[in-house]
All heavy atoms as atom14 arrays in JSON, in Angstrom:
{
  "sequence": "RNSVPVSAFISEERLNQVMEDTKVGGATLTGL",
  "atom14_mask": [
    [1, 1, 1, 1, 1, 1, 1, 1, 1, 1, 1, 0, 0, 0],
    [1, 1, 1, 1, 1, 1, 1, 1, 0, 0, 0, 0, 0, 0],
    [1, 1, 1, 1, 1, 1, 0, 0, 0, 0, 0, 0, 0, 0],
    [1, 1, 1, 1, 1, 1, 1, 0, 0, 0, 0, 0, 0, 0],
    [1, 1, 1, 1, 1, 1, 1, 0, 0, 0, 0, 0, 0, 0],
    [1, 1, 1, 1, 1, 1, 1, 0, 0, 0, 0, 0, 0, 0],
    [1, 1, 1, 1, 1, 1, 0, 0, 0, 0, 0, 0, 0, 0],
    [1, 1, 1, 1, 1, 0, 0, 0, 0, 0, 0, 0, 0, 0],
    [1, 1, 1, 1, 1, 1, 1, 1, 1, 1, 1, 0, 0, 0],
    [1, 1, 1, 1, 1, 1, 1, 1, 0, 0, 0, 0, 0, 0],
    [1, 1, 1, 1, 1, 1, 0, 0, 0, 0, 0, 0, 0, 0],
    [1, 1, 1, 1, 1, 1, 1, 1, 1, 0, 0, 0, 0, 0],
    [1, 1, 1, 1, 1, 1, 1, 1, 1, 0, 0, 0, 0, 0],
    [1, 1, 1, 1, 1, 1, 1, 1, 1, 1, 1, 0, 0, 0],
    [1, 1, 1, 1, 1, 1, 1, 1, 0, 0, 0, 0, 0, 0],
    [1, 1, 1, 1, 1, 1, 1, 1, 0, 0, 0, 0, 0, 0],
    [1, 1, 1, 1, 1, 1, 1, 1, 1, 0, 0, 0, 0, 0],
    [1, 1, 1, 1, 1, 1, 1, 0, 0, 0, 0, 0, 0, 0],
    [1, 1, 1, 1, 1, 1, 1, 1, 0, 0, 0, 0, 0, 0],
    [1, 1, 1, 1, 1, 1, 1, 1, 1, 0, 0, 0, 0, 0],
    [1, 1, 1, 1, 1, 1, 1, 1, 0, 0, 0, 0, 0, 0],
    [1, 1, 1, 1, 1, 1, 1, 0, 0, 0, 0, 0, 0, 0],
    [1, 1, 1, 1, 1, 1, 1, 1, 1, 0, 0, 0, 0, 0],
    [1, 1, 1, 1, 1, 1, 1, 0, 0, 0, 0, 0, 0, 0],
    [1, 1, 1, 1, 0, 0, 0, 0, 0, 0, 0, 0, 0, 0],
    [1, 1, 1, 1, 0, 0, 0, 0, 0, 0, 0, 0, 0, 0],
    [1, 1, 1, 1, 1, 0, 0, 0, 0, 0, 0, 0, 0, 0],
    [1, 1, 1, 1, 1, 1, 1, 0, 0, 0, 0, 0, 0, 0],
    [1, 1, 1, 1, 1, 1, 1, 1, 0, 0, 0, 0, 0, 0],
    [1, 1, 1, 1, 1, 1, 1, 0, 0, 0, 0, 0, 0, 0],
    [1, 1, 1, 1, 0, 0, 0, 0, 0, 0, 0, 0, 0, 0],
    [1, 1, 1, 1, 1, 1, 1, 1, 0, 0, 0, 0, 0, 0]
  ],
  "atom14_positions": [
    [[-0.16, 8.4, -9.75], [-1.51, 8.67, -9.33], [-1.46, 9.91, -8.47], [-0.96, 9.88, -7.35], [-2.11, 7.51, -8.53], [-3.53, 7.8, -8.04], [-4.14, 6.61, -7.3], [-5.5, 6.96, -6.89], [-6.32, 6.15, -6.23], [-5.88, 4.89, -5.9], [-7.52, 6.52, -5.91], [0.0, 0.0, 0.0], [0.0, 0.0, 0.0], [0.0, 0.0, 0.0]],
    [[-1.98, 11.01, -8.99], [-1.88, 12.3, -8.3], [-0.47, 12.57, -7.75], [-0.26, 12.86, -6.57], [-2.9, 12.4, -7.15], [-4.22, 12.92, -7.6], [-4.39, 13.26, -8.78], [-5.19, 12.95, -6.72], [0.0, 0.0, 0.0], [0.0, 0.0, 0.0], [0.0, 0.0, 0.0], [0.0, 0.0, 0.0], [0.0, 0.0, 0.0], [0.0, 0.0, 0.0]],
    [[0.5, 12.45, -8.66], [1.94, 12.71, -8.4], [2.65, 11.66, -7.56], [3.86, 11.75, -7.35], [2.1, 14.08, -7.71], [1.58, 15.12, -8.5], [0.0, 0.0, 0.0], [0.0, 0.0, 0.0], [0.0, 0.0, 0.0], [0.0, 0.0, 0.0], [0.0, 0.0, 0.0], [0.0, 0.0, 0.0], [0.0, 0.0, 0.0], [0.0, 0.0, 0.0]],
    [[1.93, 10.65, -7.1], [2.56, 9.55, -6.36], [2.85, 8.4, -7.33], [1.94, 7.99, -8.05], [1.65, 9.06, -5.22], [2.3, 7.91, -4.47], [1.29, 10.2, -4.25], [0.0, 0.0, 0.0], [0.0, 0.0, 0.0], [0.0, 0.0, 0.0], [0.0, 0.0, 0.0], [0.0, 0.0, 0.0], [0.0, 0.0, 0.0], [0.0, 0.0, 0.0]],
    [[4.07, 7.88, -7.4], [4.39, 6.77, -8.31], [3.4, 5.62, -8.12], [3.12, 5.26, -6.97], [5.82, 6.4, -7.93], [6.4, 7.63, -7.34], [5.26, 8.31, -6.63], [0.0, 0.0, 0.0], [0.0, 0.0, 0.0], [0.0, 0.0, 0.0], [0.0, 0.0, 0.0], [0.0, 0.0, 0.0], [0.0, 0.0, 0.0], [0.0, 0.0, 0.0]],
    [[2.95, 5.06, -9.22], [1.97, 3.97, -9.15], [2.54, 2.75, -8.45], [1.81, 1.91, -7.94], [1.38, 3.61, -10.51], [0.61, 4.77, -11.12], [2.52, 3.16, -11.46], [0.0, 0.0, 0.0], [0.0, 0.0, 0.0], [0.0, 0.0, 0.0], [0.0, 0.0, 0.0], [0.0, 0.0, 0.0], [0.0, 0.0, 0.0], [0.0, 0.0, 0.0]],
    [[3.87, 2.64, -8.45], [4.5, 1.51, -7.78], [4.25, 1.51, -6.27], [4.45, 0.48, -5.61], [6.02, 1.54, -8.02], [6.58, 2.8, -7.6], [0.0, 0.0, 0.0], [0.0, 0.0, 0.0], [0.0, 0.0, 0.0], [0.0, 0.0, 0.0], [0.0, 0.0, 0.0], [0.0, 0.0, 0.0], [0.0, 0.0, 0.0], [0.0, 0.0, 0.0]],
    [[3.76, 2.65, -5.75], [3.37, 2.67, -4.3], [2.05, 1.98, -4.06], [1.75, 1.67, -2.91], [3.3, 4.12, -3.84], [0.0, 0.0, 0.0], [0.0, 0.0, 0.0], [0.0, 0.0, 0.0], [0.0, 0.0, 0.0], [0.0, 0.0, 0.0], [0.0, 0.0, 0.0], [0.0, 0.0, 0.0], [0.0, 0.0, 0.0], [0.0, 0.0, 0.0]],
    [[1.28, 1.69, -5.17], [-0.06, 1.14, -4.99], [-0.18, -0.29, -5.52], [-1.02, -1.04, -5.02], [-1.07, 2.03, -5.72], [-1.12, 3.46, -5.25], [-0.44, 4.46, -5.92], [-1.83, 3.81, -4.1], [-0.46, 5.78, -5.5], [-1.83, 5.13, -3.67], [-1.18, 6.11, -4.36], [0.0, 0.0, 0.0], [0.0, 0.0, 0.0], [0.0, 0.0, 0.0]],
    [[0.57, -0.61, -6.56], [0.44, -1.95, -7.17], [1.82, -2.59, -7.28], [2.82, -1.93, -7.34], [-0.25, -1.88, -8.53], [0.42, -0.87, -9.49], [-1.73, -1.55, -8.4], [-0.2, -0.82, -10.87], [0.0, 0.0, 0.0], [0.0, 0.0, 0.0], [0.0, 0.0, 0.0], [0.0, 0.0, 0.0], [0.0, 0.0, 0.0], [0.0, 0.0, 0.0]],
    [[1.79, -3.93, -7.37], [3.03, -4.7, -7.42], [3.74, -4.54, -8.74], [3.13, -4.15, -9.76], [2.74, -6.18, -7.16], [1.98, -6.72, -8.23], [0.0, 0.0, 0.0], [0.0, 0.0, 0.0], [0.0, 0.0, 0.0], [0.0, 0.0, 0.0], [0.0, 0.0, 0.0], [0.0, 0.0, 0.0], [0.0, 0.0, 0.0], [0.0, 0.0, 0.0]],
    [[5.02, -4.91, -8.76], [5.77, -4.87, -10.01], [5.18, -5.83, -11.01], [5.11, -5.54, -12.22], [7.23, -5.24, -9.71], [8.14, -5.14, -10.93], [9.58, -5.48, -10.64], [9.92, -5.66, -9.43], [10.38, -5.56, -11.6], [0.0, 0.0, 0.0], [0.0, 0.0, 0.0], [0.0, 0.0, 0.0], [0.0, 0.0, 0.0], [0.0, 0.0, 0.0]],
    [[4.7, -6.97, -10.52], [4.11, -7.96, -11.43], [2.83, -7.42, -12.08], [2.62, -7.55, -13.3], [3.73, -9.22, -10.63], [3.12, -10.3, -11.47], [2.7, -11.55, -10.66], [2.72, -11.43, -9.41], [2.34, -12.57, -11.24], [0.0, 0.0, 0.0], [0.0, 0.0, 0.0], [0.0, 0.0, 0.0], [0.0, 0.0, 0.0], [0.0, 0.0, 0.0]],
    [[1.99, -6.71, -11.33], [0.77, -6.12, -11.87], [1.1, -4.98, -12.82], [0.43, -4.82, -13.87], [-0.09, -5.59, -10.71], [-1.47, -5.09, -11.2], [-2.34, -6.21, -11.67], [-3.67, -5.8, -12.12], [-3.94, -5.47, -13.37], [-3.04, -5.51, -14.33], [-5.18, -5.08, -13.71], [0.0, 0.0, 0.0], [0.0, 0.0, 0.0], [0.0, 0.0, 0.0]],
    [[2.14, -4.24, -12.5], [2.57, -3.13, -13.38], [3.12, -3.67, -14.71], [2.85, -3.07, -15.77], [3.61, -2.28, -12.66], [3.9, -0.88, -13.2], [2.61, -0.08, -13.43], [4.8, -0.13, -12.21], [0.0, 0.0, 0.0], [0.0, 0.0, 0.0], [0.0, 0.0, 0.0], [0.0, 0.0, 0.0], [0.0, 0.0, 0.0], [0.0, 0.0, 0.0]],
    [[3.79, -4.79, -14.66], [4.3, -5.41, -15.89], [3.14, -5.9, -16.73], [3.18, -5.83, -17.97], [5.22, -6.54, -15.55], [6.6, -6.05, -15.11], [7.03, -4.96, -15.42], [7.3, -6.93, -14.34], [0.0, 0.0, 0.0], [0.0, 0.0, 0.0], [0.0, 0.0, 0.0], [0.0, 0.0, 0.0], [0.0, 0.0, 0.0], [0.0, 0.0, 0.0]],
    [[2.08, -6.37, -16.08], [0.88, -6.82, -16.81], [0.2, -5.62, -17.5], [-0.27, -5.72, -18.64], [-0.11, -7.49, -15.88], [-1.3, -8.1, -16.56], [-0.94, -9.18, -17.57], [-0.2, -10.1, -17.22], [-1.4, -9.03, -18.8], [0.0, 0.0, 0.0], [0.0, 0.0, 0.0], [0.0, 0.0, 0.0], [0.0, 0.0, 0.0], [0.0, 0.0, 0.0]],
    [[0.15, -4.48, -16.79], [-0.4, -3.25, -17.39], [0.41, -2.88, -18.65], [-0.17, -2.54, -19.67], [-0.33, -2.09, -16.36], [-0.53, -0.75, -17.06], [-1.36, -2.28, -15.3], [0.0, 0.0, 0.0], [0.0, 0.0, 0.0], [0.0, 0.0, 0.0], [0.0, 0.0, 0.0], [0.0, 0.0, 0.0], [0.0, 0.0, 0.0], [0.0, 0.0, 0.0]],
    [[1.72, -2.99, -18.54], [2.58, -2.66, -19.68], [2.29, -3.58, -20.88], [2.12, -3.1, -22.01], [4.04, -2.79, -19.27], [5.02, -2.46, -20.37], [6.72, -2.33, -19.79], [6.97, -4.02, -19.2], [0.0, 0.0, 0.0], [0.0, 0.0, 0.0], [0.0, 0.0, 0.0], [0.0, 0.0, 0.0], [0.0, 0.0, 0.0], [0.0, 0.0, 0.0]],
    [[2.17, -4.87, -20.63], [1.94, -5.82, -21.7], [0.56, -5.63, -22.31], [0.38, -5.69, -23.53], [2.14, -7.25, -21.22], [3.55, -7.58, -20.83], [4.56, -7.27, -21.94], [4.32, -7.61, -23.1], [5.65, -6.74, -21.6], [0.0, 0.0, 0.0], [0.0, 0.0, 0.0], [0.0, 0.0, 0.0], [0.0, 0.0, 0.0], [0.0, 0.0, 0.0]],
    [[-0.46, -5.37, -21.45], [-1.83, -5.14, -21.94], [-1.87, -3.85, -22.81], [-2.62, -3.79, -23.8], [-2.77, -5.01, -20.78], [-3.04, -6.32, -20.11], [-2.74, -7.38, -20.67], [-3.56, -6.3, -18.94], [0.0, 0.0, 0.0], [0.0, 0.0, 0.0], [0.0, 0.0, 0.0], [0.0, 0.0, 0.0], [0.0, 0.0, 0.0], [0.0, 0.0, 0.0]],
    [[-1.09, -2.87, -22.42], [-1.02, -1.6, -23.21], [-0.44, -1.88, -24.61], [-0.99, -1.37, -25.62], [-0.18, -0.59, -22.47], [-0.77, -0.27, -21.23], [-0.01, 0.72, -23.3], [0.0, 0.0, 0.0], [0.0, 0.0, 0.0], [0.0, 0.0, 0.0], [0.0, 0.0, 0.0], [0.0, 0.0, 0.0], [0.0, 0.0, 0.0], [0.0, 0.0, 0.0]],
    [[0.62, -2.62, -24.66], [1.3, -2.85, -25.92], [0.45, -3.57, -26.96], [0.57, -3.37, -28.15], [2.62, -3.6, -25.65], [3.64, -2.77, -24.94], [4.79, -3.56, -24.32], [5.75, -4.09, -25.28], [6.95, -4.65, -24.62], [0.0, 0.0, 0.0], [0.0, 0.0, 0.0], [0.0, 0.0, 0.0], [0.0, 0.0, 0.0], [0.0, 0.0, 0.0]],
    [[-0.46, -4.45, -26.45], [-1.34, -5.16, -27.38], [-2.73, -4.57, -27.38], [-3.71, -5.23, -27.75], [-1.39, -6.67, -27.05], [-0.04, -7.32, -27.26], [-1.91, -6.94, -25.64], [0.0, 0.0, 0.0], [0.0, 0.0, 0.0], [0.0, 0.0, 0.0], [0.0, 0.0, 0.0], [0.0, 0.0, 0.0], [0.0, 0.0, 0.0], [0.0, 0.0, 0.0]],
    [[-2.87, -3.31, -26.93], [-4.18, -2.65, -26.84], [-4.91, -2.66, -28.15], [-6.13, -2.92, -28.21], [0.0, 0.0, 0.0], [0.0, 0.0, 0.0], [0.0, 0.0, 0.0], [0.0, 0.0, 0.0], [0.0, 0.0, 0.0], [0.0, 0.0, 0.0], [0.0, 0.0, 0.0], [0.0, 0.0, 0.0], [0.0, 0.0, 0.0], [0.0, 0.0, 0.0]],
    [[-4.22, -2.3, -29.23], [-4.87, -2.26, -30.54], [-5.25, -3.64, -31.05], [-6.36, -3.85, -31.56], [0.0, 0.0, 0.0], [0.0, 0.0, 0.0], [0.0, 0.0, 0.0], [0.0, 0.0, 0.0], [0.0, 0.0, 0.0], [0.0, 0.0, 0.0], [0.0, 0.0, 0.0], [0.0, 0.0, 0.0], [0.0, 0.0, 0.0], [0.0, 0.0, 0.0]],
    [[-4.32, -4.6, -30.87], [-4.62, -5.95, -31.31], [-5.78, -6.57, -30.53], [-6.57, -7.35, -31.09], [-3.36, -6.82, -31.13], [0.0, 0.0, 0.0], [0.0, 0.0, 0.0], [0.0, 0.0, 0.0], [0.0, 0.0, 0.0], [0.0, 0.0, 0.0], [0.0, 0.0, 0.0], [0.0, 0.0, 0.0], [0.0, 0.0, 0.0], [0.0, 0.0, 0.0]],
    [[-5.86, -6.26, -29.24], [-6.98, -6.77, -28.43], [-8.3, -6.3, -28.99], [-9.25, -7.1, -29.11], [-6.8, -6.27, -26.96], [-5.58, -6.77, -26.43], [-7.96, -6.78, -26.1], [0.0, 0.0, 0.0], [0.0, 0.0, 0.0], [0.0, 0.0, 0.0], [0.0, 0.0, 0.0], [0.0, 0.0, 0.0], [0.0, 0.0, 0.0], [0.0, 0.0, 0.0]],
    [[-8.39, -5.02, -29.34], [-9.63, -4.47, -29.87], [-9.91, -5.01, -31.27], [-11.07, -5.26, -31.62], [-9.56, -2.95, -29.91], [-9.71, -2.3, -28.54], [-9.21, -0.84, -28.57], [-11.18, -2.35, -28.13], [0.0, 0.0, 0.0], [0.0, 0.0, 0.0], [0.0, 0.0, 0.0], [0.0, 0.0, 0.0], [0.0, 0.0, 0.0], [0.0, 0.0, 0.0]],
    [[-8.87, -5.2, -32.09], [-9.07, -5.75, -33.42], [-9.64, -7.17, -33.32], [-10.54, -7.54, -34.11], [-7.73, -5.78, -34.2], [-7.24, -4.43, -34.3], [-7.9, -6.34, -35.58], [0.0, 0.0, 0.0], [0.0, 0.0, 0.0], [0.0, 0.0, 0.0], [0.0, 0.0, 0.0], [0.0, 0.0, 0.0], [0.0, 0.0, 0.0], [0.0, 0.0, 0.0]],
    [[-9.19, -7.93, -32.34], [-9.69, -9.26, -32.13], [-11.17, -9.26, -31.73], [-11.96, -10.11, -32.16], [0.0, 0.0, 0.0], [0.0, 0.0, 0.0], [0.0, 0.0, 0.0], [0.0, 0.0, 0.0], [0.0, 0.0, 0.0], [0.0, 0.0, 0.0], [0.0, 0.0, 0.0], [0.0, 0.0, 0.0], [0.0, 0.0, 0.0], [0.0, 0.0, 0.0]],
    [[-11.56, -8.27, -30.91], [-12.93, -8.17, -30.44], [-13.86, -7.61, -31.5], [-14.99, -8.07, -31.66], [-12.99, -7.3, -29.2], [-12.33, -7.87, -27.91], [-12.23, -6.76, -26.86], [-13.14, -9.04, -27.39], [0.0, 0.0, 0.0], [0.0, 0.0, 0.0], [0.0, 0.0, 0.0], [0.0, 0.0, 0.0], [0.0, 0.0, 0.0], [0.0, 0.0, 0.0]]
  ]
}
């Protein structure tokens, strides 16, 4: 975020959730 690692703002658990949500981004939209 503006050159600062996002890990400075959100937890590792939340960042892992971002990663998993990204990976199924297309499938999520296909379902909707």
